[in-house]
Amino acid sequence: MTDRHFFDFARSALLFNPTLREIIHHLKYSDRVSLANPLGDILKDCLEREPFSGETIVPVPLHRARERSRGFNQAELISARLGRRVENRLLRRRKNTDSQTGLSRSQRKRNLAGAFEVRGEVHGTVIVVDDVYTTGSTMNEIARVLKRAGAQRVEVLTVARVSNDIYRMDGTGTPSGTSSTQ
């Protein structure tokens, strides 16, 4: 089965590994917000090295309940280091989705259906930023919504990319590796 990608270009600065997983988990779940700065700096190097054409950064939003509980959105903190205009409120997560951890690609797609909405005008090329790219389901849904709202091109930039070796389905459709993308 081939899934259609709505985004036009995607790059990750690093390959997801146990050390990076621990760093990202400390940022997100242990209130170590200072870790966002070096992650943002790593992402900025990738942004400058790769052929990104967008000037507007759109961090992947958290649902307001999750952001209130956590106290911050890690994608926004990382995006602040990129040196381009950041639109923190252009995209809203209107549906408090279940965690994507442990879901198959098709379950992730169903989980995210209708989860995002654009609040404002979208023109040209936007760069969507997040911490981890696992299956691309979140980015694909966001790109679909942004293009429907007028974006000509959607580029994706993440700190880490989960390797197919880490995240693959076993015969039952269950992920054999684990990652956390929210």
C-alpha atoms as a PDB file:
ATOM      1  CA  MET A   1       0.000   0.000   0.000  1.00  0.00           C
ATOM      2  CA  THR A   2       1.422   3.384  -0.964  1.00  0.00           C
ATOM      3  CA  ASP A   3       0.414   6.403   1.033  1.00  0.00           C
ATOM      4  CA  ARG A   4       0.232   9.736  -0.720  1.00  0.00           C
ATOM      5  CA  HIS A   5       2.466  12.385   0.794  1.00  0.00           C
ATOM      6  CA  PHE A   6       0.987  15.860   0.902  1.00  0.00           C
ATOM      7  CA  PHE A   7       4.256  17.432   2.001  1.00  0.00           C
ATOM      8  CA  ASP A   8       6.835  18.236  -0.667  1.00  0.00           C
ATOM      9  CA  PHE A   9      10.142  17.821   1.096  1.00  0.00           C
ATOM     10  CA  ALA A  10      11.288  16.375   4.427  1.00  0.00           C
ATOM     11  CA  ARG A  11      14.576  16.303   6.291  1.00  0.00           C
ATOM     12  CA  SER A  12      15.635  15.291   9.784  1.00  0.00           C
ATOM     13  CA  ALA A  13      18.836  16.489  11.399  1.00  0.00           C
ATOM     14  CA  LEU A  14      19.591  13.210  13.179  1.00  0.00           C
ATOM     15  CA  LEU A  15      18.674   9.547  13.205  1.00  0.00           C
ATOM     16  CA  PHE A  16      16.596   8.603  16.239  1.00  0.00           C
ATOM     17  CA  ASN A  17      18.654   6.507  18.666  1.00  0.00           C
ATOM     18  CA  PRO A  18      18.427   5.599  22.371  1.00  0.00           C
ATOM     19  CA  THR A  19      20.503   8.605  23.486  1.00  0.00           C
ATOM     20  CA  LEU A  20      18.440  11.057  21.452  1.00  0.00           C
ATOM     21  CA  ARG A  21      15.253   9.383  22.675  1.00  0.00           C
ATOM     22  CA  GLU A  22      16.379  10.010  26.255  1.00  0.00           C
ATOM     23  CA  ILE A  23      17.211  13.666  25.529  1.00  0.00           C
ATOM     24  CA  ILE A  24      13.838  14.296  23.860  1.00  0.00           C
ATOM     25  CA  HIS A  25      11.990  12.511  26.670  1.00  0.00           C
ATOM     26  CA  HIS A  26      13.820  14.644  29.260  1.00  0.00           C
ATOM     27  CA  LEU A  27      12.745  17.751  27.354  1.00  0.00           C
ATOM     28  CA  LYS A  28       9.120  16.690  27.032  1.00  0.00           C
ATOM     29  CA  TYR A  29       8.424  14.783  30.237  1.00  0.00           C
ATOM     30  CA  SER A  30      11.023  15.904  32.805  1.00  0.00           C
ATOM     31  CA  ASP A  31      10.641  19.658  32.329  1.00  0.00           C
ATOM     32  CA  ARG A  32      14.165  20.055  30.975  1.00  0.00           C
ATOM     33  CA  VAL A  33      13.216  22.899  28.616  1.00  0.00           C
ATOM     34  CA  SER A  34      16.851  24.025  28.354  1.00  0.00           C
ATOM     35  CA  LEU A  35      17.392  21.007  26.081  1.00  0.00           C
ATOM     36  CA  ALA A  36      15.306  22.740  23.405  1.00  0.00           C
ATOM     37  CA  ASN A  37      18.138  25.194  22.694  1.00  0.00           C
ATOM     38  CA  PRO A  38      20.808  22.710  21.584  1.00  0.00           C
ATOM     39  CA  LEU A  39      18.184  20.692  19.682  1.00  0.00           C
ATOM     40  CA  GLY A  40      17.076  23.898  17.958  1.00  0.00           C
ATOM     41  CA  ASP A  41      20.682  24.741  17.104  1.00  0.00           C
ATOM     42  CA  ILE A  42      21.171  21.294  15.549  1.00  0.00           C
ATOM     43  CA  LEU A  43      17.969  21.810  13.571  1.00  0.00           C
ATOM     44  CA  LYS A  44      19.108  25.256  12.413  1.00  0.00           C
ATOM     45  CA  ASP A  45      22.282  23.714  10.972  1.00  0.00           C
ATOM     46  CA  CYS A  46      20.133  21.239   9.040  1.00  0.00           C
ATOM     47  CA  LEU A  47      17.821  24.023   7.860  1.00  0.00           C
ATOM     48  CA  GLU A  48      20.766  26.002   6.498  1.00  0.00           C
ATOM     49  CA  ARG A  49      22.474  22.979   4.924  1.00  0.00           C
ATOM     50  CA  GLU A  50      19.454  21.506   3.126  1.00  0.00           C
ATOM     51  CA  PRO A  51      17.474  23.102   0.252  1.00  0.00           C
ATOM     52  CA  PHE A  52      14.572  24.522   2.264  1.00  0.00           C
ATOM     53  CA  SER A  53      12.774  27.353   0.498  1.00  0.00           C
ATOM     54  CA  GLY A  54      10.182  28.353   3.102  1.00  0.00           C
ATOM     55  CA  GLU A  55      10.565  31.450   5.231  1.00  0.00           C
ATOM     56  CA  THR A  56       7.711  30.718   7.636  1.00  0.00           C
ATOM     57  CA  ILE A  57       8.071  28.123  10.391  1.00  0.00           C
ATOM     58  CA  VAL A  58       4.956  26.367  11.709  1.00  0.00           C
ATOM     59  CA  PRO A  59       5.608  24.244  14.821  1.00  0.00           C
ATOM     60  CA  VAL A  60       3.429  21.158  15.205  1.00  0.00           C
ATOM     61  CA  PRO A  61       0.815  22.203  17.773  1.00  0.00           C
ATOM     62  CA  LEU A  62      -0.149  20.297  20.879  1.00  0.00           C
ATOM     63  CA  HIS A  63      -3.758  20.162  21.976  1.00  0.00           C
ATOM     64  CA  ARG A  64      -4.382  22.938  24.521  1.00  0.00           C
ATOM     65  CA  ALA A  65      -5.001  20.401  27.313  1.00  0.00           C
ATOM     66  CA  ARG A  66      -1.675  18.649  26.641  1.00  0.00           C
ATOM     67  CA  GLU A  67       0.200  21.940  26.362  1.00  0.00           C
ATOM     68  CA  ARG A  68      -1.385  23.192  29.584  1.00  0.00           C
ATOM     69  CA  SER A  69      -0.413  19.964  31.349  1.00  0.00           C
ATOM     70  CA  ARG A  70       3.168  20.016  30.031  1.00  0.00           C
ATOM     71  CA  GLY A  71       3.552  23.779  30.342  1.00  0.00           C
ATOM     72  CA  PHE A  72       5.091  24.236  26.881  1.00  0.00           C
ATOM     73  CA  ASN A  73       5.166  22.948  23.322  1.00  0.00           C
ATOM     74  CA  GLN A  74       8.579  21.456  22.534  1.00  0.00           C
ATOM     75  CA  ALA A  75       8.189  22.146  18.793  1.00  0.00           C
ATOM     76  CA  GLU A  76       7.672  25.854  19.539  1.00  0.00           C
ATOM     77  CA  LEU A  77      10.739  25.981  21.794  1.00  0.00           C
ATOM     78  CA  ILE A  78      12.899  24.268  19.176  1.00  0.00           C
ATOM     79  CA  SER A  79      11.504  26.495  16.394  1.00  0.00           C
ATOM     80  CA  ALA A  80      12.478  29.660  18.261  1.00  0.00           C
ATOM     81  CA  ARG A  81      16.158  28.888  17.502  1.00  0.00           C
ATOM     82  CA  LEU A  82      15.760  28.682  13.715  1.00  0.00           C
ATOM     83  CA  GLY A  83      16.125  32.352  12.820  1.00  0.00           C
ATOM     84  CA  ARG A  84      13.007  32.575  10.655  1.00  0.00           C
ATOM     85  CA  ARG A  85       9.507  33.882  11.287  1.00  0.00           C
ATOM     86  CA  VAL A  86       7.607  31.445  13.521  1.00  0.00           C
ATOM     87  CA  GLU A  87       3.806  31.248  13.347  1.00  0.00           C
ATOM     88  CA  ASN A  88       2.841  29.549  16.625  1.00  0.00           C
ATOM     89  CA  ARG A  89      -0.884  30.079  16.253  1.00  0.00           C
ATOM     90  CA  LEU A  90      -1.474  29.529  12.531  1.00  0.00           C
ATOM     91  CA  LEU A  91      -2.184  25.848  13.073  1.00  0.00           C
ATOM     92  CA  ARG A  92      -4.299  24.474  15.893  1.00  0.00           C
ATOM     93  CA  ARG A  93      -4.760  20.935  17.121  1.00  0.00           C
ATOM     94  CA  ARG A  94      -8.507  20.933  17.657  1.00  0.00           C
ATOM     95  CA  LYS A  95      -8.807  17.255  18.549  1.00  0.00           C
ATOM     96  CA  ASN A  96      -7.060  15.834  21.612  1.00  0.00           C
ATOM     97  CA  THR A  97      -5.747  12.734  19.865  1.00  0.00           C
ATOM     98  CA  ASP A  98      -4.562   9.610  21.604  1.00  0.00           C
ATOM     99  CA  SER A  99      -0.811   9.224  21.836  1.00  0.00           C
ATOM    100  CA  GLN A 100       0.640   7.939  18.572  1.00  0.00           C
ATOM    101  CA  THR A 101       3.040   5.662  20.462  1.00  0.00           C
ATOM    102  CA  GLY A 102       2.426   2.019  19.629  1.00  0.00           C
ATOM    103  CA  LEU A 103      -0.050   2.709  16.819  1.00  0.00           C
ATOM    104  CA  SER A 104       0.349   1.265  13.336  1.00  0.00           C
ATOM    105  CA  ARG A 105       0.542   3.581  10.330  1.00  0.00           C
ATOM    106  CA  SER A 106      -3.169   3.115   9.522  1.00  0.00           C
ATOM    107  CA  GLN A 107      -4.164   3.624  13.171  1.00  0.00           C
ATOM    108  CA  ARG A 108      -2.099   6.824  13.279  1.00  0.00           C
ATOM    109  CA  LYS A 109      -3.827   8.099  10.150  1.00  0.00           C
ATOM    110  CA  ARG A 110      -7.290   7.441  11.636  1.00  0.00           C
ATOM    111  CA  ASN A 111      -6.235   8.967  14.959  1.00  0.00           C
ATOM    112  CA  LEU A 112      -5.182  12.207  13.247  1.00  0.00           C
ATOM    113  CA  ALA A 113      -8.144  12.612  10.880  1.00  0.00           C
ATOM    114  CA  GLY A 114      -9.647  16.039  11.500  1.00  0.00           C
ATOM    115  CA  ALA A 115      -7.147  16.811  14.273  1.00  0.00           C
ATOM    116  CA  PHE A 116      -5.773  20.066  12.827  1.00  0.00           C
ATOM    117  CA  GLU A 117      -7.192  23.334  11.553  1.00  0.00           C
ATOM    118  CA  VAL A 118      -5.619  26.433  10.052  1.00  0.00           C
ATOM    119  CA  ARG A 119      -6.456  29.755  11.664  1.00  0.00           C
ATOM    120  CA  GLY A 120      -5.405  32.458   9.268  1.00  0.00           C
ATOM    121  CA  GLU A 121      -4.087  32.911   5.758  1.00  0.00           C
ATOM    122  CA  VAL A 122      -1.450  30.640   4.298  1.00  0.00           C
ATOM    123  CA  HIS A 123       0.660  31.629   1.299  1.00  0.00           C
ATOM    124  CA  GLY A 124       3.765  30.297  -0.372  1.00  0.00           C
ATOM    125  CA  THR A 125       5.969  27.723   1.291  1.00  0.00           C
ATOM    126  CA  VAL A 126       5.823  26.812   4.969  1.00  0.00           C
ATOM    127  CA  ILE A 127       8.202  24.669   6.995  1.00  0.00           C
ATOM    128  CA  VAL A 128       6.522  22.438   9.578  1.00  0.00           C
ATOM    129  CA  VAL A 129       8.782  21.663  12.554  1.00  0.00           C
ATOM    130  CA  ASP A 130       8.603  18.887  15.142  1.00  0.00           C
ATOM    131  CA  ASP A 131      10.907  16.837  17.322  1.00  0.00           C
ATOM    132  CA  VAL A 132      10.487  13.320  15.877  1.00  0.00           C
ATOM    133  CA  TYR A 133       9.357  11.976  12.498  1.00  0.00           C
ATOM    134  CA  THR A 134       8.132   8.408  12.924  1.00  0.00           C
ATOM    135  CA  THR A 135       5.783   7.324  10.123  1.00  0.00           C
ATOM    136  CA  GLY A 136       4.987  10.773   8.712  1.00  0.00           C
ATOM    137  CA  SER A 137       1.291  10.532   9.584  1.00  0.00           C
ATOM    138  CA  THR A 138       1.244  13.747  11.621  1.00  0.00           C
ATOM    139  CA  MET A 139       3.192  15.689   9.011  1.00  0.00           C
ATOM    140  CA  ASN A 140       1.052  14.337   6.210  1.00  0.00           C
ATOM    141  CA  GLU A 141      -2.185  15.411   7.888  1.00  0.00           C
ATOM    142  CA  ILE A 142      -0.762  18.852   8.672  1.00  0.00           C
ATOM    143  CA  ALA A 143       0.480  19.283   5.083  1.00  0.00           C
ATOM    144  CA  ARG A 144      -2.930  18.275   3.737  1.00  0.00           C
ATOM    145  CA  VAL A 145      -4.659  20.896   5.906  1.00  0.00           C
ATOM    146  CA  LEU A 146      -2.102  23.620   5.095  1.00  0.00           C
ATOM    147  CA  LYS A 147      -2.379  23.015   1.355  1.00  0.00           C
ATOM    148  CA  ARG A 148      -6.152  23.047   1.537  1.00  0.00           C
ATOM    149  CA  ALA A 149      -5.789  26.478   3.229  1.00  0.00           C
ATOM    150  CA  GLY A 150      -3.580  27.858   0.447  1.00  0.00           C
ATOM    151  CA  ALA A 151       0.029  26.752   1.007  1.00  0.00           C
ATOM    152  CA  GLN A 152       1.722  26.112  -2.322  1.00  0.00           C
ATOM    153  CA  ARG A 153       4.447  23.978  -0.758  1.00  0.00           C
ATOM    154  CA  VAL A 154       4.937  22.296   2.640  1.00  0.00           C
ATOM    155  CA  GLU A 155       8.399  21.324   3.813  1.00  0.00           C
ATOM    156  CA  VAL A 156       9.049  19.212   6.914  1.00  0.00           C
ATOM    157  CA  LEU A 157      11.945  19.623   9.332  1.00  0.00           C
ATOM    158  CA  THR A 158      12.415  17.426  12.394  1.00  0.00           C
ATOM    159  CA  VAL A 159      15.192  16.885  14.888  1.00  0.00           C
ATOM    160  CA  ALA A 160      15.098  13.109  14.523  1.00  0.00           C
ATOM    161  CA  ARG A 161      13.883  10.494  12.100  1.00  0.00           C
ATOM    162  CA  VAL A 162      12.947   7.036  13.296  1.00  0.00           C
ATOM    163  CA  SER A 163      14.641   4.451  11.118  1.00  0.00           C
ATOM    164  CA  ASN A 164      12.548   1.785   9.444  1.00  0.00           C
ATOM    165  CA  ASP A 165      14.758  -0.685  11.328  1.00  0.00           C
ATOM    166  CA  ILE A 166      13.542   0.750  14.636  1.00  0.00           C
ATOM    167  CA  TYR A 167       9.924   1.223  13.649  1.00  0.00           C
ATOM    168  CA  ARG A 168       8.608  -1.673  11.617  1.00  0.00           C
ATOM    169  CA  MET A 169       5.539  -3.786  11.840  1.00  0.00           C
ATOM    170  CA  ASP A 170       5.654  -7.386  12.865  1.00  0.00           C
ATOM    171  CA  GLY A 171       3.255  -9.891  11.359  1.00  0.00           C
ATOM    172  CA  THR A 172       0.406  -8.740  13.613  1.00  0.00           C
ATOM    173  CA  GLY A 173       0.647  -5.072  12.628  1.00  0.00           C
ATOM    174  CA  THR A 174       2.193  -4.167  15.970  1.00  0.00           C
ATOM    175  CA  PRO A 175       5.276  -1.939  16.046  1.00  0.00           C
ATOM    176  CA  SER A 176       8.367  -3.897  16.990  1.00  0.00           C
ATOM    177  CA  GLY A 177      10.120  -0.735  18.218  1.00  0.00           C
ATOM    178  CA  THR A 178       8.785   2.114  20.260  1.00  0.00           C
ATOM    179  CA  SER A 179       8.975   5.841  19.915  1.00  0.00           C
ATOM    180  CA  SER A 180       7.046   8.773  21.199  1.00  0.00           C
ATOM    181  CA  THR A 181       6.036  11.570  18.882  1.00  0.00           C
ATOM    182  CA  GLN A 182       3.881  13.701  21.105  1.00  0.00           C
END
